[in-house]
Amino acid sequence: MIEDFYFDTSIWLDFYEKRGKNGELAFKLIIKIINEDLKIAYSDLNIKEFKNFGYSQNEIYSILSIAKPSNIKRIHIYREQKEEAKRIAKQRNVPAGDALHAILARDNNLVLISRDSHFQKLKDISIARKPEDFI
């Protein structure tokens, strides 16, 4: 059974900034998700990270609008998830944002897509896969 997906912010930016081969692979996965009528989830953490990278609200809308409304969904972040992420980040010496991405993917039964090596330390929470694993 194919599941829905949750992209680490860097995957969204690979696509949006057309980052060479990584950008092409991210785009191909997005197209496959749309063609197979699956969903890409995003959270307020993605939005916060886009803003931290200097993207405006209009640019963020543009990034997320690659997917049709029926192929994208926003997931909520709960206080307990933030607390768990802080605890895990400290224990495993990883960024709290990466821990939270992994927790969000796990709790929402989503396939986490990322190239970030920090997720190796979080694979018991959610196994990060690369776009090319699905295309």
N, C-alpha and C. Protein backbone atom coordinates (compact mmCIF):
# COMPACT_ATOMS: atom_id res chain seq x y z
N MET A 1 0.84 -1.18 0.00
CA MET A 1 0.00 0.00 0.00
C MET A 1 0.89 1.25 0.00
N ILE A 2 0.67 2.12 -0.95
CA ILE A 2 1.40 3.38 -1.01
C ILE A 2 0.76 4.34 -0.01
N GLU A 3 1.61 5.06 0.67
CA GLU A 3 1.13 5.99 1.68
C GLU A 3 1.28 7.43 1.18
N ASP A 4 0.81 8.33 1.99
CA ASP A 4 1.02 9.74 1.71
C ASP A 4 2.38 10.16 2.25
N PHE A 5 2.81 11.36 1.90
CA PHE A 5 4.18 11.78 2.13
C PHE A 5 4.26 13.05 2.97
N TYR A 6 5.40 13.19 3.64
CA TYR A 6 5.74 14.41 4.37
C TYR A 6 7.15 14.80 3.95
N PHE A 7 7.29 15.98 3.36
CA PHE A 7 8.60 16.44 2.87
C PHE A 7 9.30 17.28 3.93
N ASP A 8 10.56 16.94 4.19
CA ASP A 8 11.43 17.84 4.94
C ASP A 8 11.51 19.13 4.12
N THR A 9 11.68 20.24 4.77
CA THR A 9 11.69 21.54 4.08
C THR A 9 12.73 21.58 2.96
N SER A 10 13.85 20.92 3.14
CA SER A 10 14.90 20.94 2.11
C SER A 10 14.42 20.31 0.80
N ILE A 11 13.53 19.34 0.86
CA ILE A 11 13.01 18.72 -0.36
C ILE A 11 12.13 19.72 -1.11
N TRP A 12 11.29 20.45 -0.37
CA TRP A 12 10.49 21.50 -1.01
C TRP A 12 11.41 22.51 -1.71
N LEU A 13 12.51 22.87 -1.03
CA LEU A 13 13.42 23.87 -1.59
C LEU A 13 14.24 23.31 -2.75
N ASP A 14 14.56 22.02 -2.71
CA ASP A 14 15.23 21.40 -3.87
C ASP A 14 14.38 21.62 -5.11
N PHE A 15 13.07 21.38 -4.97
CA PHE A 15 12.15 21.57 -6.09
C PHE A 15 12.05 23.04 -6.47
N TYR A 16 11.74 23.90 -5.51
CA TYR A 16 11.43 25.30 -5.79
C TYR A 16 12.63 26.05 -6.34
N GLU A 17 13.80 25.78 -5.80
CA GLU A 17 15.01 26.47 -6.23
C GLU A 17 15.69 25.78 -7.42
N LYS A 18 15.05 24.71 -7.90
CA LYS A 18 15.59 23.96 -9.05
C LYS A 18 17.06 23.59 -8.81
N ARG A 19 17.29 22.90 -7.70
CA ARG A 19 18.64 22.54 -7.27
C ARG A 19 19.16 21.31 -8.02
N GLY A 20 19.46 21.48 -9.28
CA GLY A 20 20.09 20.43 -10.07
C GLY A 20 19.34 19.12 -10.04
N LYS A 21 20.09 18.02 -9.91
CA LYS A 21 19.48 16.68 -9.93
C LYS A 21 18.51 16.50 -8.77
N ASN A 22 18.85 17.01 -7.58
CA ASN A 22 17.94 16.89 -6.44
C ASN A 22 16.61 17.58 -6.72
N GLY A 23 16.66 18.73 -7.38
CA GLY A 23 15.44 19.43 -7.74
C GLY A 23 14.60 18.65 -8.74
N GLU A 24 15.27 18.04 -9.72
CA GLU A 24 14.57 17.23 -10.72
C GLU A 24 13.89 16.03 -10.07
N LEU A 25 14.60 15.37 -9.15
CA LEU A 25 14.04 14.20 -8.48
C LEU A 25 12.87 14.58 -7.58
N ALA A 26 12.98 15.70 -6.90
CA ALA A 26 11.86 16.17 -6.07
C ALA A 26 10.65 16.47 -6.94
N PHE A 27 10.87 17.12 -8.08
CA PHE A 27 9.77 17.43 -9.00
C PHE A 27 9.12 16.16 -9.52
N LYS A 28 9.93 15.16 -9.90
CA LYS A 28 9.37 13.90 -10.41
C LYS A 28 8.52 13.21 -9.35
N LEU A 29 8.96 13.24 -8.10
CA LEU A 29 8.16 12.63 -7.04
C LEU A 29 6.85 13.40 -6.85
N ILE A 30 6.90 14.71 -6.87
CA ILE A 30 5.68 15.50 -6.73
C ILE A 30 4.69 15.16 -7.85
N ILE A 31 5.18 15.06 -9.07
CA ILE A 31 4.30 14.71 -10.20
C ILE A 31 3.71 13.32 -10.01
N LYS A 32 4.53 12.37 -9.56
CA LYS A 32 4.03 11.01 -9.32
C LYS A 32 2.94 11.03 -8.25
N ILE A 33 3.16 11.77 -7.18
CA ILE A 33 2.16 11.86 -6.11
C ILE A 33 0.84 12.41 -6.66
N ILE A 34 0.92 13.45 -7.48
CA ILE A 34 -0.28 14.04 -8.07
C ILE A 34 -0.96 13.04 -9.00
N ASN A 35 -0.17 12.39 -9.87
CA ASN A 35 -0.74 11.43 -10.83
C ASN A 35 -1.39 10.23 -10.15
N GLU A 36 -0.86 9.84 -8.99
CA GLU A 36 -1.42 8.69 -8.27
C GLU A 36 -2.45 9.11 -7.22
N ASP A 37 -2.80 10.39 -7.24
CA ASP A 37 -3.81 10.96 -6.35
C ASP A 37 -3.50 10.71 -4.88
N LEU A 38 -2.22 10.87 -4.54
CA LEU A 38 -1.78 10.77 -3.15
C LEU A 38 -1.66 12.18 -2.58
N LYS A 39 -1.17 12.28 -1.37
CA LYS A 39 -1.08 13.59 -0.73
C LYS A 39 0.33 13.86 -0.20
N ILE A 40 0.68 15.14 -0.20
CA ILE A 40 1.89 15.63 0.45
C ILE A 40 1.40 16.46 1.63
N ALA A 41 1.91 16.13 2.80
CA ALA A 41 1.55 16.90 3.99
C ALA A 41 2.62 17.94 4.28
N TYR A 42 2.19 19.03 4.87
CA TYR A 42 3.13 20.04 5.36
C TYR A 42 2.62 20.52 6.71
N SER A 43 3.51 21.16 7.45
CA SER A 43 3.15 21.62 8.79
C SER A 43 3.60 23.07 8.99
N ASP A 44 3.23 23.62 10.12
CA ASP A 44 3.70 24.95 10.48
C ASP A 44 5.22 24.98 10.62
N LEU A 45 5.82 23.84 10.92
CA LEU A 45 7.28 23.78 10.99
C LEU A 45 7.89 24.06 9.61
N ASN A 46 7.31 23.48 8.55
CA ASN A 46 7.79 23.80 7.20
C ASN A 46 7.67 25.30 6.94
N ILE A 47 6.51 25.87 7.29
CA ILE A 47 6.28 27.30 7.06
C ILE A 47 7.32 28.13 7.82
N LYS A 48 7.54 27.78 9.08
CA LYS A 48 8.53 28.50 9.90
C LYS A 48 9.92 28.41 9.27
N GLU A 49 10.29 27.23 8.79
CA GLU A 49 11.61 27.07 8.18
C GLU A 49 11.72 27.85 6.87
N PHE A 50 10.65 27.88 6.07
CA PHE A 50 10.67 28.70 4.86
C PHE A 50 10.93 30.16 5.23
N LYS A 51 10.22 30.64 6.25
CA LYS A 51 10.39 32.03 6.68
C LYS A 51 11.81 32.28 7.19
N ASN A 52 12.37 31.30 7.91
CA ASN A 52 13.75 31.43 8.40
C ASN A 52 14.76 31.52 7.26
N PHE A 53 14.42 30.91 6.12
CA PHE A 53 15.27 31.00 4.93
C PHE A 53 15.03 32.28 4.15
N GLY A 54 14.10 33.11 4.62
CA GLY A 54 13.87 34.41 4.00
C GLY A 54 12.76 34.45 2.97
N TYR A 55 11.94 33.40 2.90
CA TYR A 55 10.85 33.39 1.92
C TYR A 55 9.66 34.19 2.43
N SER A 56 9.04 34.93 1.53
CA SER A 56 7.84 35.70 1.87
C SER A 56 6.63 34.78 1.88
N GLN A 57 5.52 35.29 2.40
CA GLN A 57 4.28 34.52 2.42
C GLN A 57 3.86 34.14 1.00
N ASN A 58 4.01 35.06 0.04
CA ASN A 58 3.66 34.76 -1.35
C ASN A 58 4.55 33.68 -1.93
N GLU A 59 5.84 33.72 -1.62
CA GLU A 59 6.76 32.68 -2.10
C GLU A 59 6.42 31.32 -1.49
N ILE A 60 6.06 31.32 -0.23
CA ILE A 60 5.68 30.07 0.44
C ILE A 60 4.43 29.50 -0.22
N TYR A 61 3.47 30.35 -0.50
CA TYR A 61 2.26 29.90 -1.20
C TYR A 61 2.64 29.31 -2.56
N SER A 62 3.56 29.95 -3.25
CA SER A 62 4.00 29.47 -4.55
C SER A 62 4.67 28.10 -4.44
N ILE A 63 5.49 27.92 -3.41
CA ILE A 63 6.16 26.63 -3.21
C ILE A 63 5.12 25.53 -3.03
N LEU A 64 4.15 25.76 -2.15
CA LEU A 64 3.17 24.72 -1.83
C LEU A 64 2.12 24.53 -2.91
N SER A 65 1.96 25.51 -3.79
CA SER A 65 0.89 25.43 -4.80
C SER A 65 1.24 24.53 -5.97
N ILE A 66 2.43 23.93 -5.99
CA ILE A 66 2.74 22.95 -7.04
C ILE A 66 1.75 21.79 -6.98
N ALA A 67 1.33 21.46 -5.78
CA ALA A 67 0.36 20.37 -5.63
C ALA A 67 -1.05 20.95 -5.71
N LYS A 68 -1.94 20.21 -6.35
CA LYS A 68 -3.34 20.62 -6.40
C LYS A 68 -3.91 20.57 -4.99
N PRO A 69 -4.95 21.35 -4.71
CA PRO A 69 -5.54 21.32 -3.36
C PRO A 69 -5.91 19.92 -2.87
N SER A 70 -6.30 19.05 -3.79
CA SER A 70 -6.67 17.69 -3.39
C SER A 70 -5.44 16.82 -3.09
N ASN A 71 -4.24 17.32 -3.39
CA ASN A 71 -3.02 16.55 -3.17
C ASN A 71 -2.13 17.11 -2.07
N ILE A 72 -2.63 18.06 -1.33
CA ILE A 72 -1.81 18.63 -0.25
C ILE A 72 -2.67 18.78 1.00
N LYS A 73 -2.06 18.53 2.13
CA LYS A 73 -2.80 18.69 3.39
C LYS A 73 -1.88 19.24 4.46
N ARG A 74 -2.48 20.03 5.32
CA ARG A 74 -1.75 20.63 6.44
C ARG A 74 -1.98 19.77 7.68
N ILE A 75 -0.90 19.46 8.38
CA ILE A 75 -1.04 18.68 9.60
C ILE A 75 -0.72 19.56 10.80
N HIS A 76 -1.39 19.29 11.88
CA HIS A 76 -1.26 20.08 13.10
C HIS A 76 -0.09 19.58 13.94
N ILE A 77 0.56 20.49 14.64
CA ILE A 77 1.62 20.14 15.58
C ILE A 77 1.06 20.31 16.99
N TYR A 78 1.16 19.26 17.78
CA TYR A 78 0.66 19.29 19.15
C TYR A 78 1.80 19.56 20.13
N ARG A 79 1.44 20.15 21.26
CA ARG A 79 2.43 20.49 22.28
C ARG A 79 3.25 19.27 22.70
N GLU A 80 2.59 18.13 22.84
CA GLU A 80 3.29 16.90 23.23
C GLU A 80 4.35 16.51 22.21
N GLN A 81 4.05 16.73 20.94
CA GLN A 81 5.03 16.42 19.88
C GLN A 81 6.24 17.34 19.98
N LYS A 82 6.00 18.61 20.27
CA LYS A 82 7.11 19.56 20.43
C LYS A 82 7.98 19.17 21.62
N GLU A 83 7.34 18.77 22.71
CA GLU A 83 8.09 18.37 23.90
C GLU A 83 8.92 17.12 23.63
N GLU A 84 8.31 16.14 22.95
CA GLU A 84 9.04 14.93 22.60
C GLU A 84 10.22 15.26 21.69
N ALA A 85 10.02 16.15 20.73
CA ALA A 85 11.09 16.53 19.81
C ALA A 85 12.25 17.19 20.55
N LYS A 86 11.95 18.07 21.49
CA LYS A 86 13.01 18.72 22.27
C LYS A 86 13.82 17.70 23.06
N ARG A 87 13.11 16.76 23.67
CA ARG A 87 13.78 15.72 24.47
C ARG A 87 14.68 14.84 23.59
N ILE A 88 14.15 14.40 22.47
CA ILE A 88 14.91 13.53 21.56
C ILE A 88 16.09 14.28 20.96
N ALA A 89 15.88 15.53 20.59
CA ALA A 89 16.97 16.33 20.01
C ALA A 89 18.14 16.44 20.97
N LYS A 90 17.83 16.65 22.22
CA LYS A 90 18.88 16.77 23.24
C LYS A 90 19.58 15.43 23.45
N GLN A 91 18.82 14.36 23.53
CA GLN A 91 19.39 13.02 23.76
C GLN A 91 20.28 12.57 22.61
N ARG A 92 19.88 12.90 21.38
CA ARG A 92 20.56 12.35 20.20
C ARG A 92 21.42 13.37 19.46
N ASN A 93 21.47 14.58 19.97
CA ASN A 93 22.28 15.62 19.36
C ASN A 93 21.89 15.86 17.89
N VAL A 94 20.60 16.09 17.69
CA VAL A 94 20.08 16.44 16.36
C VAL A 94 19.25 17.71 16.52
N PRO A 95 19.04 18.45 15.43
CA PRO A 95 18.18 19.64 15.52
C PRO A 95 16.76 19.26 15.95
N ALA A 96 16.18 20.07 16.80
CA ALA A 96 14.81 19.81 17.27
C ALA A 96 13.82 19.79 16.11
N GLY A 97 14.06 20.62 15.10
CA GLY A 97 13.18 20.63 13.93
C GLY A 97 13.19 19.30 13.20
N ASP A 98 14.35 18.68 13.07
CA ASP A 98 14.42 17.38 12.41
C ASP A 98 13.69 16.32 13.24
N ALA A 99 13.88 16.37 14.55
CA ALA A 99 13.16 15.43 15.42
C ALA A 99 11.66 15.62 15.27
N LEU A 100 11.22 16.87 15.20
CA LEU A 100 9.79 17.14 15.05
C LEU A 100 9.28 16.67 13.69
N HIS A 101 10.04 16.87 12.62
CA HIS A 101 9.62 16.35 11.31
C HIS A 101 9.41 14.84 11.39
N ALA A 102 10.34 14.12 12.01
CA ALA A 102 10.23 12.66 12.12
C ALA A 102 9.00 12.27 12.94
N ILE A 103 8.75 12.96 14.03
CA ILE A 103 7.60 12.68 14.88
C ILE A 103 6.30 12.95 14.12
N LEU A 104 6.24 14.04 13.39
CA LEU A 104 5.04 14.36 12.61
C LEU A 104 4.76 13.29 11.56
N ALA A 105 5.81 12.83 10.89
CA ALA A 105 5.62 11.77 9.89
C ALA A 105 5.10 10.50 10.57
N ARG A 106 5.71 10.13 11.68
CA ARG A 106 5.28 8.93 12.41
C ARG A 106 3.82 9.04 12.86
N ASP A 107 3.49 10.13 13.53
CA ASP A 107 2.17 10.27 14.13
C ASP A 107 1.05 10.42 13.10
N ASN A 108 1.39 10.79 11.88
CA ASN A 108 0.39 10.96 10.83
C ASN A 108 0.47 9.87 9.77
N ASN A 109 1.24 8.83 10.05
CA ASN A 109 1.41 7.70 9.12
C ASN A 109 1.82 8.17 7.72
N LEU A 110 2.85 9.00 7.69
CA LEU A 110 3.34 9.56 6.43
C LEU A 110 4.76 9.06 6.16
N VAL A 111 5.09 8.96 4.89
CA VAL A 111 6.46 8.61 4.50
C VAL A 111 7.28 9.90 4.52
N LEU A 112 8.32 9.91 5.33
CA LEU A 112 9.20 11.08 5.45
C LEU A 112 10.18 11.09 4.29
N ILE A 113 10.24 12.20 3.57
CA ILE A 113 11.17 12.36 2.45
C ILE A 113 12.19 13.42 2.83
N SER A 114 13.47 13.01 2.84
CA SER A 114 14.55 13.92 3.20
C SER A 114 15.89 13.37 2.72
N ARG A 115 16.86 14.26 2.60
CA ARG A 115 18.24 13.87 2.31
C ARG A 115 19.16 14.16 3.51
N ASP A 116 18.60 14.69 4.57
CA ASP A 116 19.36 15.13 5.73
C ASP A 116 19.89 13.93 6.52
N SER A 117 21.19 13.92 6.77
CA SER A 117 21.82 12.79 7.47
C SER A 117 21.40 12.70 8.94
N HIS A 118 20.88 13.78 9.52
CA HIS A 118 20.42 13.72 10.92
C HIS A 118 19.34 12.67 11.12
N PHE A 119 18.58 12.38 10.06
CA PHE A 119 17.48 11.44 10.21
C PHE A 119 17.96 10.01 10.43
N GLN A 120 19.25 9.73 10.18
CA GLN A 120 19.79 8.40 10.52
C GLN A 120 19.68 8.15 12.02
N LYS A 121 19.81 9.20 12.81
CA LYS A 121 19.71 9.07 14.26
C LYS A 121 18.26 9.00 14.74
N LEU A 122 17.33 9.14 13.81
CA LEU A 122 15.91 9.17 14.15
C LEU A 122 15.13 8.05 13.47
N LYS A 123 15.84 7.07 12.89
CA LYS A 123 15.17 6.06 12.07
C LYS A 123 14.24 5.15 12.86
N ASP A 124 14.39 5.09 14.19
CA ASP A 124 13.43 4.33 14.99
C ASP A 124 12.10 5.08 15.13
N ILE A 125 12.10 6.36 14.83
CA ILE A 125 10.88 7.17 14.88
C ILE A 125 10.22 7.19 13.51
N SER A 126 11.01 7.50 12.50
CA SER A 126 10.52 7.54 11.12
C SER A 126 11.72 7.37 10.19
N ILE A 127 11.63 6.45 9.27
CA ILE A 127 12.72 6.22 8.33
C ILE A 127 12.61 7.23 7.20
N ALA A 128 13.65 8.02 7.04
CA ALA A 128 13.67 9.02 5.95
C ALA A 128 14.05 8.33 4.66
N ARG A 129 13.28 8.59 3.64
CA ARG A 129 13.54 8.04 2.31
C ARG A 129 13.84 9.21 1.37
N LYS A 130 14.48 8.90 0.26
CA LYS A 130 14.82 9.92 -0.74
C LYS A 130 13.78 9.88 -1.86
N PRO A 131 13.62 10.99 -2.58
CA PRO A 131 12.64 11.00 -3.68
C PRO A 131 12.85 9.87 -4.68
N GLU A 132 14.11 9.58 -5.00
CA GLU A 132 14.38 8.55 -6.00
C GLU A 132 13.97 7.15 -5.56
N ASP A 133 13.72 6.95 -4.28
CA ASP A 133 13.23 5.65 -3.80
C ASP A 133 11.83 5.36 -4.31
N PHE A 134 11.14 6.36 -4.81
CA PHE A 134 9.74 6.19 -5.22
C PHE A 134 9.49 6.47 -6.70
N ILE A 135 10.54 6.85 -7.44
CA ILE A 135 10.31 7.15 -8.86
C ILE A 135 11.09 6.20 -9.75
